[in-house]
C-alpha cells in the first residue's frame, strides 16, 4: 500500500472523496492545523476593514442570531 497526500480546495473535498470511494480507495482526511480556511480568512478581513458588528452583551449577540 502507498500513501498519497493531495491538497484539495475546500469546495471540492466532497467531489474528490466520492470519486476515490467509487474507485475503492481508502480515504483519511487530514486537516492542516493552524491554517484558516477561506471563510475564516474572509471573516478576519471583514473585521480588519471595520465592518464587524459590536454587541453590548452576550445576550444581545445571541438575540441577533
N, C-alpha and C. Protein backbone atom coordinates (compact mmCIF):
# COMPACT_ATOMS: atom_id res chain seq x y z
N UNK A 1 0.84 -1.18 0.00
CA UNK A 1 0.00 0.00 0.00
C UNK A 1 0.89 1.24 0.00
N UNK A 2 0.45 2.26 -0.73
CA UNK A 2 1.16 3.53 -0.78
C UNK A 2 0.26 4.64 -0.27
N UNK A 3 0.88 5.66 0.27
CA UNK A 3 0.14 6.82 0.75
C UNK A 3 0.41 7.97 -0.20
N UNK A 4 -0.67 8.64 -0.58
CA UNK A 4 -0.58 9.80 -1.46
C UNK A 4 -1.25 10.96 -0.75
N UNK A 5 -0.54 12.06 -0.60
CA UNK A 5 -1.11 13.24 0.05
C UNK A 5 -1.38 14.28 -1.02
N UNK A 6 -2.65 14.73 -1.08
CA UNK A 6 -3.02 15.76 -2.04
C UNK A 6 -3.73 16.88 -1.31
N UNK A 7 -3.59 18.09 -1.81
CA UNK A 7 -4.31 19.23 -1.25
C UNK A 7 -5.50 19.52 -2.15
N UNK A 8 -6.67 19.58 -1.53
CA UNK A 8 -7.91 19.78 -2.28
C UNK A 8 -8.59 21.04 -1.77
N UNK A 9 -9.06 21.91 -2.67
CA UNK A 9 -9.79 23.10 -2.23
C UNK A 9 -11.02 22.69 -1.42
N UNK A 10 -11.37 23.49 -0.42
CA UNK A 10 -12.49 23.17 0.46
C UNK A 10 -13.77 22.86 -0.31
N UNK A 11 -14.01 23.57 -1.39
CA UNK A 11 -15.26 23.38 -2.12
C UNK A 11 -15.26 22.14 -3.03
N UNK A 12 -14.15 21.42 -3.10
CA UNK A 12 -14.05 20.23 -3.94
C UNK A 12 -13.85 18.95 -3.14
N UNK A 13 -13.77 19.04 -1.81
CA UNK A 13 -13.48 17.88 -0.98
C UNK A 13 -14.51 16.77 -1.18
N UNK A 14 -15.78 17.12 -1.15
CA UNK A 14 -16.83 16.11 -1.28
C UNK A 14 -16.73 15.39 -2.62
N UNK A 15 -16.49 16.13 -3.69
CA UNK A 15 -16.35 15.55 -5.02
C UNK A 15 -15.19 14.56 -5.07
N UNK A 16 -14.04 14.95 -4.54
CA UNK A 16 -12.86 14.08 -4.56
C UNK A 16 -13.07 12.84 -3.69
N UNK A 17 -13.68 13.02 -2.52
CA UNK A 17 -13.96 11.88 -1.65
C UNK A 17 -14.87 10.87 -2.33
N UNK A 18 -15.92 11.35 -3.01
CA UNK A 18 -16.84 10.46 -3.71
C UNK A 18 -16.14 9.71 -4.85
N UNK A 19 -15.27 10.41 -5.59
CA UNK A 19 -14.53 9.78 -6.67
C UNK A 19 -13.62 8.68 -6.13
N UNK A 20 -12.87 8.98 -5.08
CA UNK A 20 -11.96 7.99 -4.50
C UNK A 20 -12.73 6.80 -3.93
N UNK A 21 -13.86 7.07 -3.33
CA UNK A 21 -14.71 6.00 -2.80
C UNK A 21 -15.17 5.09 -3.94
N UNK A 22 -15.59 5.69 -5.04
CA UNK A 22 -16.04 4.93 -6.21
C UNK A 22 -14.92 4.05 -6.77
N UNK A 23 -13.68 4.54 -6.67
CA UNK A 23 -12.53 3.78 -7.16
C UNK A 23 -12.03 2.74 -6.16
N UNK A 24 -12.64 2.72 -4.97
CA UNK A 24 -12.25 1.75 -3.95
C UNK A 24 -11.00 2.14 -3.18
N UNK A 25 -10.70 3.41 -3.16
CA UNK A 25 -9.52 3.92 -2.45
C UNK A 25 -9.93 4.32 -1.04
N UNK A 26 -9.16 3.87 -0.05
CA UNK A 26 -9.47 4.28 1.33
C UNK A 26 -9.07 5.74 1.52
N UNK A 27 -9.86 6.43 2.32
CA UNK A 27 -9.68 7.87 2.49
C UNK A 27 -9.47 8.20 3.96
N UNK A 28 -8.48 9.01 4.23
CA UNK A 28 -8.25 9.54 5.56
C UNK A 28 -8.03 11.04 5.41
N UNK A 29 -8.96 11.83 5.91
CA UNK A 29 -8.87 13.28 5.75
C UNK A 29 -7.99 13.86 6.84
N UNK A 30 -7.05 14.67 6.43
CA UNK A 30 -6.12 15.31 7.35
C UNK A 30 -6.21 16.81 7.14
N UNK A 31 -6.71 17.51 8.14
CA UNK A 31 -6.81 18.97 8.06
C UNK A 31 -5.48 19.59 8.47
N UNK A 32 -5.10 20.64 7.79
CA UNK A 32 -3.91 21.39 8.17
C UNK A 32 -4.23 22.19 9.42
N UNK A 33 -3.56 21.87 10.50
CA UNK A 33 -3.79 22.58 11.76
C UNK A 33 -3.20 23.98 11.69
N UNK A 34 -3.96 24.94 12.15
CA UNK A 34 -3.46 26.30 12.24
C UNK A 34 -3.59 27.13 10.98
N UNK A 35 -4.06 26.54 9.89
CA UNK A 35 -4.22 27.30 8.66
C UNK A 35 -5.71 27.57 8.46
N UNK A 36 -6.13 28.83 8.52
CA UNK A 36 -7.56 29.13 8.40
C UNK A 36 -8.08 28.85 6.99
N UNK A 37 -9.35 28.44 6.92
CA UNK A 37 -9.96 28.20 5.62
C UNK A 37 -10.43 29.53 5.01
N UNK A 38 -10.96 29.46 3.80
CA UNK A 38 -11.34 30.68 3.07
C UNK A 38 -12.41 31.49 3.80
N UNK A 39 -13.36 30.81 4.43
CA UNK A 39 -14.44 31.50 5.15
C UNK A 39 -13.88 32.27 6.35
N UNK A 40 -12.95 31.66 7.07
CA UNK A 40 -12.34 32.32 8.22
C UNK A 40 -11.50 33.52 7.79
N UNK A 41 -10.75 33.36 6.71
CA UNK A 41 -9.93 34.47 6.20
C UNK A 41 -10.81 35.64 5.79
N UNK A 42 -11.95 35.34 5.14
CA UNK A 42 -12.87 36.41 4.73
C UNK A 42 -13.42 37.13 5.96
N UNK A 43 -13.75 36.39 7.01
CA UNK A 43 -14.26 37.00 8.24
C UNK A 43 -13.20 37.88 8.89
N UNK A 44 -11.96 37.42 8.91
CA UNK A 44 -10.88 38.21 9.50
C UNK A 44 -10.66 39.50 8.70
N UNK A 45 -10.71 39.40 7.38
CA UNK A 45 -10.54 40.59 6.53
C UNK A 45 -11.68 41.58 6.73
N UNK A 46 -12.88 41.06 6.93
CA UNK A 46 -14.04 41.91 7.20
C UNK A 46 -13.84 42.70 8.49
N UNK A 47 -13.33 42.04 9.52
CA UNK A 47 -13.09 42.71 10.80
C UNK A 47 -11.98 43.76 10.67
N UNK A 48 -10.92 43.41 9.94
CA UNK A 48 -9.81 44.35 9.75
C UNK A 48 -10.28 45.61 9.02
N UNK A 49 -11.28 45.45 8.14
CA UNK A 49 -11.81 46.59 7.38
C UNK A 49 -12.83 47.39 8.18
N UNK A 50 -13.10 46.97 9.42
CA UNK A 50 -14.01 47.71 10.27
C UNK A 50 -15.47 47.43 10.02
N UNK A 51 -15.79 46.32 9.35
CA UNK A 51 -17.18 46.01 9.04
C UNK A 51 -17.80 45.00 10.00
N UNK A 52 -17.15 44.73 11.11
CA UNK A 52 -17.70 43.80 12.09
C UNK A 52 -18.81 44.43 12.91
N UNK A 53 -19.60 43.59 13.57
CA UNK A 53 -20.68 44.07 14.43
C UNK A 53 -20.20 44.01 15.88
N UNK A 54 -20.61 45.00 16.67
CA UNK A 54 -20.30 45.02 18.10
C UNK A 54 -21.60 44.86 18.87
N UNK A 55 -21.52 44.15 19.97
CA UNK A 55 -22.68 43.92 20.82
C UNK A 55 -22.35 44.34 22.25
N UNK A 56 -23.35 44.87 22.93
CA UNK A 56 -23.14 45.33 24.30
C UNK A 56 -23.13 44.19 25.30
N UNK A 57 -23.70 43.05 24.92
CA UNK A 57 -23.72 41.90 25.83
C UNK A 57 -23.81 40.61 25.03
N UNK A 58 -23.53 39.51 25.70
CA UNK A 58 -23.65 38.19 25.07
C UNK A 58 -25.10 37.93 24.70
N UNK A 59 -26.01 38.37 25.55
CA UNK A 59 -27.43 38.20 25.28
C UNK A 59 -27.82 38.90 23.98
N UNK A 60 -27.32 40.11 23.77
CA UNK A 60 -27.61 40.84 22.54
C UNK A 60 -27.05 40.10 21.32
N UNK A 61 -25.88 39.52 21.49
CA UNK A 61 -25.27 38.74 20.40
C UNK A 61 -26.17 37.57 20.04
N UNK A 62 -26.58 36.79 21.02
CA UNK A 62 -27.40 35.61 20.74
C UNK A 62 -28.78 35.99 20.21
N UNK A 63 -29.30 37.11 20.63
CA UNK A 63 -30.61 37.57 20.13
C UNK A 63 -30.53 37.95 18.65
N UNK A 64 -29.33 38.32 18.18
CA UNK A 64 -29.16 38.72 16.79
C UNK A 64 -29.07 37.54 15.84
N UNK A 65 -28.85 36.38 16.40
CA UNK A 65 -28.68 35.17 15.55
C UNK A 65 -30.02 34.60 15.16
